[in-house]
Amino acid sequence: MSLRVGDIIRFERTFTAEDVELFTKVSGDEGSHHVTPDEQGRLVIQGLLTATLPTKIGGDYSVLARKMTFEFSRPVFTTDTIRCEVKIEQFEEQGERTLITASFICQNQNEKEVLRGDFSGVIKNRFSIWN
């Protein structure tokens, strides 16, 4: 699958209490808002767990990230469905690697922005060469 400048990739995810518990264990981010449910029984998702949404493109396209910028707009709760839209800003082949830059916006099910930012990195055209 090839990418081009201007392509938009969309995907969504609903976070669960189990997601938060696992991320808490891995990250050590045990803020009370991540481990104590609110009056509606929801937990606040860790910001960096929310930030895994735009990094999904890294796994889908084998991107080795070099820079990532995140701006968190509002909290995300368990049971929220977050839709992420990634726009390819640069996709330039340079010999054995391809440079990629993308911007992204994530919104909750109420179309409220929760996260925006950008990332850049490289895609190795031959994975045996890492230098």
N, C-alpha and C. Protein backbone atom coordinates (compact mmCIF):
# COMPACT_ATOMS: atom_id res chain seq x y z
N MET A 1 0.85 -1.17 0.00
CA MET A 1 0.00 0.00 0.00
C MET A 1 0.90 1.24 0.00
N SER A 2 0.67 2.12 -0.94
CA SER A 2 1.50 3.31 -1.09
C SER A 2 0.78 4.54 -0.55
N LEU A 3 1.53 5.45 0.00
CA LEU A 3 0.98 6.70 0.50
C LEU A 3 1.40 7.84 -0.40
N ARG A 4 0.57 8.87 -0.44
CA ARG A 4 0.88 10.07 -1.20
C ARG A 4 0.55 11.29 -0.35
N VAL A 5 1.22 12.39 -0.66
CA VAL A 5 0.92 13.65 0.01
C VAL A 5 -0.57 13.97 -0.19
N GLY A 6 -1.22 14.34 0.90
CA GLY A 6 -2.64 14.66 0.85
C GLY A 6 -3.54 13.51 1.26
N ASP A 7 -3.01 12.28 1.27
CA ASP A 7 -3.82 11.14 1.71
C ASP A 7 -4.29 11.36 3.15
N ILE A 8 -5.50 10.92 3.43
CA ILE A 8 -6.05 10.98 4.78
C ILE A 8 -6.41 9.57 5.21
N ILE A 9 -5.91 9.19 6.37
CA ILE A 9 -6.17 7.87 6.93
C ILE A 9 -7.01 8.07 8.18
N ARG A 10 -8.12 7.36 8.28
CA ARG A 10 -9.02 7.49 9.43
C ARG A 10 -9.18 6.13 10.13
N PHE A 11 -9.24 6.17 11.44
CA PHE A 11 -9.54 4.99 12.22
C PHE A 11 -10.06 5.45 13.57
N GLU A 12 -10.67 4.53 14.30
CA GLU A 12 -11.21 4.90 15.61
C GLU A 12 -11.03 3.76 16.59
N ARG A 13 -11.15 4.12 17.85
CA ARG A 13 -10.98 3.14 18.92
C ARG A 13 -11.78 3.59 20.13
N THR A 14 -12.37 2.63 20.82
CA THR A 14 -13.03 2.87 22.10
C THR A 14 -12.16 2.27 23.18
N PHE A 15 -11.72 3.11 24.11
CA PHE A 15 -10.84 2.66 25.18
C PHE A 15 -11.65 2.03 26.31
N THR A 16 -11.07 1.00 26.94
CA THR A 16 -11.74 0.28 28.02
C THR A 16 -10.97 0.46 29.33
N ALA A 17 -11.62 0.09 30.41
CA ALA A 17 -10.94 0.11 31.72
C ALA A 17 -9.73 -0.82 31.70
N GLU A 18 -9.84 -1.94 31.00
CA GLU A 18 -8.70 -2.87 30.90
C GLU A 18 -7.52 -2.20 30.18
N ASP A 19 -7.79 -1.41 29.14
CA ASP A 19 -6.72 -0.68 28.45
C ASP A 19 -5.99 0.22 29.43
N VAL A 20 -6.75 0.95 30.24
CA VAL A 20 -6.15 1.88 31.21
C VAL A 20 -5.35 1.12 32.25
N GLU A 21 -5.89 0.02 32.74
CA GLU A 21 -5.19 -0.79 33.74
C GLU A 21 -3.87 -1.32 33.20
N LEU A 22 -3.88 -1.82 31.97
CA LEU A 22 -2.66 -2.34 31.36
C LEU A 22 -1.64 -1.23 31.14
N PHE A 23 -2.10 -0.08 30.64
CA PHE A 23 -1.18 1.03 30.40
C PHE A 23 -0.63 1.57 31.72
N THR A 24 -1.45 1.59 32.75
CA THR A 24 -1.00 2.02 34.07
C THR A 24 0.14 1.12 34.54
N LYS A 25 -0.03 -0.17 34.36
CA LYS A 25 0.99 -1.14 34.77
C LYS A 25 2.28 -0.94 33.98
N VAL A 26 2.18 -0.75 32.68
CA VAL A 26 3.36 -0.60 31.82
C VAL A 26 4.05 0.75 32.04
N SER A 27 3.25 1.83 32.15
CA SER A 27 3.82 3.18 32.21
C SER A 27 4.18 3.63 33.62
N GLY A 28 3.49 3.07 34.62
CA GLY A 28 3.67 3.54 35.99
C GLY A 28 2.89 4.82 36.27
N ASP A 29 2.10 5.29 35.32
CA ASP A 29 1.27 6.49 35.50
C ASP A 29 0.03 6.09 36.28
N GLU A 30 0.12 6.25 37.61
CA GLU A 30 -0.95 5.82 38.51
C GLU A 30 -1.70 6.98 39.12
N GLY A 31 -1.83 8.09 38.36
CA GLY A 31 -2.59 9.23 38.87
C GLY A 31 -3.97 8.78 39.32
N SER A 32 -4.48 9.38 40.38
CA SER A 32 -5.77 8.93 40.94
C SER A 32 -6.88 8.95 39.90
N HIS A 33 -6.83 9.88 38.96
CA HIS A 33 -7.87 9.96 37.93
C HIS A 33 -7.79 8.79 36.94
N HIS A 34 -6.68 8.05 36.95
CA HIS A 34 -6.54 6.88 36.09
C HIS A 34 -6.95 5.59 36.80
N VAL A 35 -7.04 5.63 38.11
CA VAL A 35 -7.33 4.40 38.86
C VAL A 35 -8.63 4.48 39.67
N THR A 36 -9.19 5.69 39.82
CA THR A 36 -10.44 5.87 40.57
C THR A 36 -11.52 6.35 39.62
N PRO A 37 -12.57 5.57 39.43
CA PRO A 37 -13.65 5.98 38.52
C PRO A 37 -14.34 7.26 38.98
N ASP A 38 -14.83 8.02 38.00
CA ASP A 38 -15.62 9.22 38.32
C ASP A 38 -17.04 8.80 38.69
N GLU A 39 -17.92 9.79 38.90
CA GLU A 39 -19.30 9.49 39.33
C GLU A 39 -20.08 8.72 38.27
N GLN A 40 -19.59 8.69 37.04
CA GLN A 40 -20.25 7.92 35.97
C GLN A 40 -19.57 6.56 35.75
N GLY A 41 -18.59 6.24 36.62
CA GLY A 41 -17.90 4.96 36.53
C GLY A 41 -16.79 4.90 35.50
N ARG A 42 -16.38 6.06 34.99
CA ARG A 42 -15.35 6.11 33.95
C ARG A 42 -13.99 6.44 34.54
N LEU A 43 -12.95 5.97 33.86
CA LEU A 43 -11.59 6.36 34.19
C LEU A 43 -11.10 7.35 33.13
N VAL A 44 -10.19 8.23 33.52
CA VAL A 44 -9.54 9.11 32.55
C VAL A 44 -8.40 8.33 31.90
N ILE A 45 -8.38 8.36 30.57
CA ILE A 45 -7.32 7.69 29.81
C ILE A 45 -6.03 8.49 29.93
N GLN A 46 -4.90 7.84 30.11
CA GLN A 46 -3.62 8.53 30.11
C GLN A 46 -3.42 9.21 28.76
N GLY A 47 -2.84 10.41 28.79
CA GLY A 47 -2.60 11.13 27.55
C GLY A 47 -1.79 10.32 26.55
N LEU A 48 -0.75 9.66 27.03
CA LEU A 48 0.08 8.90 26.10
C LEU A 48 -0.62 7.65 25.59
N LEU A 49 -1.60 7.14 26.33
CA LEU A 49 -2.41 6.04 25.79
C LEU A 49 -3.28 6.58 24.65
N THR A 50 -3.86 7.75 24.83
CA THR A 50 -4.62 8.38 23.75
C THR A 50 -3.71 8.61 22.55
N ALA A 51 -2.47 8.99 22.80
CA ALA A 51 -1.52 9.29 21.73
C ALA A 51 -1.10 8.04 20.94
N THR A 52 -1.49 6.86 21.40
CA THR A 52 -1.19 5.67 20.60
C THR A 52 -2.04 5.62 19.33
N LEU A 53 -3.11 6.39 19.30
CA LEU A 53 -3.94 6.38 18.08
C LEU A 53 -3.17 6.84 16.85
N PRO A 54 -2.58 8.03 16.84
CA PRO A 54 -1.86 8.42 15.63
C PRO A 54 -0.60 7.60 15.38
N THR A 55 -0.06 6.96 16.40
CA THR A 55 1.14 6.15 16.17
C THR A 55 0.79 4.83 15.47
N LYS A 56 -0.50 4.52 15.37
CA LYS A 56 -0.92 3.30 14.68
C LYS A 56 -0.37 3.27 13.25
N ILE A 57 -0.27 4.43 12.63
CA ILE A 57 0.26 4.48 11.26
C ILE A 57 1.68 3.95 11.20
N GLY A 58 2.43 4.10 12.31
CA GLY A 58 3.78 3.55 12.37
C GLY A 58 3.78 2.05 12.19
N GLY A 59 2.86 1.39 12.84
CA GLY A 59 2.76 -0.06 12.70
C GLY A 59 2.22 -0.47 11.34
N ASP A 60 1.27 0.29 10.83
CA ASP A 60 0.66 -0.05 9.55
C ASP A 60 1.62 0.14 8.38
N TYR A 61 2.53 1.11 8.49
CA TYR A 61 3.41 1.45 7.37
C TYR A 61 4.90 1.35 7.72
N SER A 62 5.21 0.74 8.85
CA SER A 62 6.61 0.54 9.28
C SER A 62 7.39 1.84 9.38
N VAL A 63 6.77 2.85 9.97
CA VAL A 63 7.42 4.14 10.15
C VAL A 63 8.29 4.09 11.40
N LEU A 64 9.54 4.52 11.25
CA LEU A 64 10.43 4.70 12.39
C LEU A 64 10.33 6.17 12.78
N ALA A 65 9.63 6.45 13.87
CA ALA A 65 9.39 7.84 14.27
C ALA A 65 10.66 8.53 14.69
N ARG A 66 10.79 9.79 14.33
CA ARG A 66 11.92 10.61 14.76
C ARG A 66 11.45 11.76 15.63
N LYS A 67 10.27 12.27 15.34
CA LYS A 67 9.74 13.40 16.10
C LYS A 67 8.23 13.27 16.18
N MET A 68 7.69 13.54 17.37
CA MET A 68 6.24 13.54 17.57
C MET A 68 5.87 14.72 18.45
N THR A 69 4.82 15.42 18.08
CA THR A 69 4.32 16.54 18.86
C THR A 69 2.85 16.28 19.18
N PHE A 70 2.49 16.44 20.45
CA PHE A 70 1.12 16.21 20.89
C PHE A 70 0.60 17.44 21.62
N GLU A 71 -0.63 17.82 21.32
CA GLU A 71 -1.31 18.87 22.07
C GLU A 71 -2.65 18.29 22.53
N PHE A 72 -2.78 18.11 23.83
CA PHE A 72 -3.97 17.50 24.41
C PHE A 72 -4.99 18.59 24.72
N SER A 73 -6.19 18.46 24.17
CA SER A 73 -7.22 19.50 24.29
C SER A 73 -8.20 19.27 25.44
N ARG A 74 -8.56 18.02 25.66
CA ARG A 74 -9.52 17.69 26.72
C ARG A 74 -9.34 16.22 27.10
N PRO A 75 -9.84 15.84 28.27
CA PRO A 75 -9.65 14.45 28.71
C PRO A 75 -10.45 13.46 27.86
N VAL A 76 -9.93 12.24 27.84
CA VAL A 76 -10.60 11.11 27.20
C VAL A 76 -10.94 10.13 28.31
N PHE A 77 -12.15 9.59 28.26
CA PHE A 77 -12.63 8.66 29.30
C PHE A 77 -12.86 7.28 28.70
N THR A 78 -12.81 6.28 29.58
CA THR A 78 -13.22 4.94 29.14
C THR A 78 -14.64 5.07 28.61
N THR A 79 -14.95 4.30 27.65
CA THR A 79 -16.21 4.28 26.87
C THR A 79 -16.24 5.35 25.79
N ASP A 80 -15.33 6.32 25.78
CA ASP A 80 -15.27 7.29 24.68
C ASP A 80 -14.75 6.58 23.44
N THR A 81 -15.33 6.92 22.30
CA THR A 81 -14.83 6.44 21.02
C THR A 81 -14.09 7.61 20.38
N ILE A 82 -12.83 7.40 20.11
CA ILE A 82 -11.98 8.46 19.56
C ILE A 82 -11.70 8.15 18.10
N ARG A 83 -11.99 9.12 17.27
CA ARG A 83 -11.73 9.00 15.84
C ARG A 83 -10.48 9.82 15.51
N CYS A 84 -9.54 9.18 14.84
CA CYS A 84 -8.27 9.82 14.50
C CYS A 84 -8.20 9.98 12.99
N GLU A 85 -7.79 11.18 12.58
CA GLU A 85 -7.61 11.47 11.16
C GLU A 85 -6.18 11.92 10.95
N VAL A 86 -5.44 11.16 10.16
CA VAL A 86 -4.03 11.45 9.89
C VAL A 86 -3.91 11.90 8.44
N LYS A 87 -3.24 13.06 8.24
CA LYS A 87 -3.04 13.58 6.88
C LYS A 87 -1.55 13.53 6.54
N ILE A 88 -1.23 12.92 5.42
CA ILE A 88 0.16 12.83 4.98
C ILE A 88 0.56 14.18 4.39
N GLU A 89 1.58 14.79 4.99
CA GLU A 89 2.05 16.10 4.57
C GLU A 89 3.28 15.99 3.67
N GLN A 90 4.11 14.97 3.91
CA GLN A 90 5.32 14.73 3.11
C GLN A 90 5.49 13.23 2.96
N PHE A 91 5.81 12.80 1.78
CA PHE A 91 6.12 11.39 1.52
C PHE A 91 7.10 11.39 0.37
N GLU A 92 8.38 11.29 0.70
CA GLU A 92 9.43 11.52 -0.28
C GLU A 92 10.47 10.40 -0.22
N GLU A 93 10.57 9.63 -1.29
CA GLU A 93 11.57 8.57 -1.35
C GLU A 93 12.95 9.18 -1.55
N GLN A 94 13.91 8.68 -0.75
CA GLN A 94 15.29 9.13 -0.84
C GLN A 94 16.20 7.91 -0.74
N GLY A 95 16.37 7.25 -1.84
CA GLY A 95 17.24 6.07 -1.86
C GLY A 95 16.64 4.92 -1.08
N GLU A 96 17.33 4.54 -0.01
CA GLU A 96 16.92 3.37 0.78
C GLU A 96 15.90 3.71 1.86
N ARG A 97 15.45 4.96 1.89
CA ARG A 97 14.46 5.35 2.89
C ARG A 97 13.46 6.31 2.29
N THR A 98 12.33 6.40 2.93
CA THR A 98 11.29 7.35 2.55
C THR A 98 11.02 8.25 3.74
N LEU A 99 11.08 9.55 3.54
CA LEU A 99 10.75 10.50 4.60
C LEU A 99 9.24 10.68 4.64
N ILE A 100 8.70 10.71 5.84
CA ILE A 100 7.27 10.90 5.99
C ILE A 100 7.02 11.93 7.09
N THR A 101 6.08 12.82 6.83
CA THR A 101 5.60 13.77 7.83
C THR A 101 4.08 13.76 7.74
N ALA A 102 3.43 13.78 8.89
CA ALA A 102 1.97 13.75 8.90
C ALA A 102 1.46 14.61 10.06
N SER A 103 0.26 15.12 9.89
CA SER A 103 -0.44 15.82 10.96
C SER A 103 -1.66 14.98 11.33
N PHE A 104 -2.20 15.21 12.52
CA PHE A 104 -3.36 14.44 12.94
C PHE A 104 -4.26 15.24 13.87
N ILE A 105 -5.52 14.85 13.86
CA ILE A 105 -6.53 15.39 14.78
C ILE A 105 -7.35 14.21 15.28
N CYS A 106 -7.57 14.16 16.59
CA CYS A 106 -8.41 13.13 17.19
C CYS A 106 -9.60 13.80 17.85
N GLN A 107 -10.78 13.25 17.61
CA GLN A 107 -12.02 13.78 18.18
C GLN A 107 -12.78 12.67 18.88
N ASN A 108 -13.54 13.06 19.91
CA ASN A 108 -14.38 12.07 20.58
C ASN A 108 -15.71 11.90 19.83
N GLN A 109 -16.57 11.05 20.35
CA GLN A 109 -17.83 10.73 19.70
C GLN A 109 -18.76 11.95 19.59
N ASN A 110 -18.47 13.00 20.33
CA ASN A 110 -19.26 14.24 20.27
C ASN A 110 -18.61 15.27 19.34
N GLU A 111 -17.62 14.81 18.56
CA GLU A 111 -16.89 15.65 17.61
C GLU A 111 -16.12 16.78 18.29
N LYS A 112 -15.73 16.55 19.54
CA LYS A 112 -14.89 17.49 20.28
C LYS A 112 -13.44 17.04 20.14
N GLU A 113 -12.57 17.98 19.79
CA GLU A 113 -11.16 17.66 19.64
C GLU A 113 -10.56 17.29 20.99
N VAL A 114 -9.81 16.18 21.02
CA VAL A 114 -9.14 15.76 22.24
C VAL A 114 -7.62 15.79 22.09
N LEU A 115 -7.14 15.72 20.85
CA LEU A 115 -5.70 15.64 20.62
C LEU A 115 -5.40 16.08 19.19
N ARG A 116 -4.30 16.82 19.05
CA ARG A 116 -3.80 17.16 17.71
C ARG A 116 -2.29 17.17 17.76
N GLY A 117 -1.68 17.08 16.61
CA GLY A 117 -0.23 17.12 16.57
C GLY A 117 0.31 16.70 15.22
N ASP A 118 1.56 16.30 15.23
CA ASP A 118 2.22 15.86 14.00
C ASP A 118 3.35 14.91 14.35
N PHE A 119 3.83 14.23 13.34
CA PHE A 119 4.99 13.37 13.53
C PHE A 119 5.77 13.31 12.23
N SER A 120 7.03 12.96 12.37
CA SER A 120 7.87 12.74 11.19
C SER A 120 8.78 11.56 11.48
N GLY A 121 9.21 10.93 10.42
CA GLY A 121 10.08 9.79 10.55
C GLY A 121 10.51 9.27 9.20
N VAL A 122 10.98 8.04 9.20
CA VAL A 122 11.44 7.41 7.96
C VAL A 122 10.84 6.01 7.85
N ILE A 123 10.72 5.60 6.62
CA ILE A 123 10.36 4.22 6.32
C ILE A 123 11.56 3.64 5.60
N LYS A 124 12.14 2.61 6.17
CA LYS A 124 13.29 1.96 5.53
C LYS A 124 12.77 1.12 4.38
N ASN A 125 13.32 1.32 3.20
CA ASN A 125 12.90 0.54 2.04
C ASN A 125 13.53 -0.84 2.05
N ARG A 126 14.63 -0.97 2.79
CA ARG A 126 15.28 -2.27 2.99
C ARG A 126 15.63 -2.36 4.46
N PHE A 127 14.97 -3.26 5.19
CA PHE A 127 15.15 -3.32 6.64
C PHE A 127 16.45 -3.94 7.09
N SER A 128 17.23 -4.51 6.17
CA SER A 128 18.51 -5.05 6.57
C SER A 128 19.55 -3.94 6.78
N ILE A 129 19.24 -2.73 6.32
CA ILE A 129 20.16 -1.60 6.45
C ILE A 129 19.59 -0.64 7.50
N TRP A 130 20.23 -0.53 8.65
CA TRP A 130 19.73 0.33 9.74
C TRP A 130 20.65 1.51 10.00
N ASN A 131 21.67 1.71 9.21
CA ASN A 131 22.61 2.82 9.43
C ASN A 131 22.20 4.05 8.66
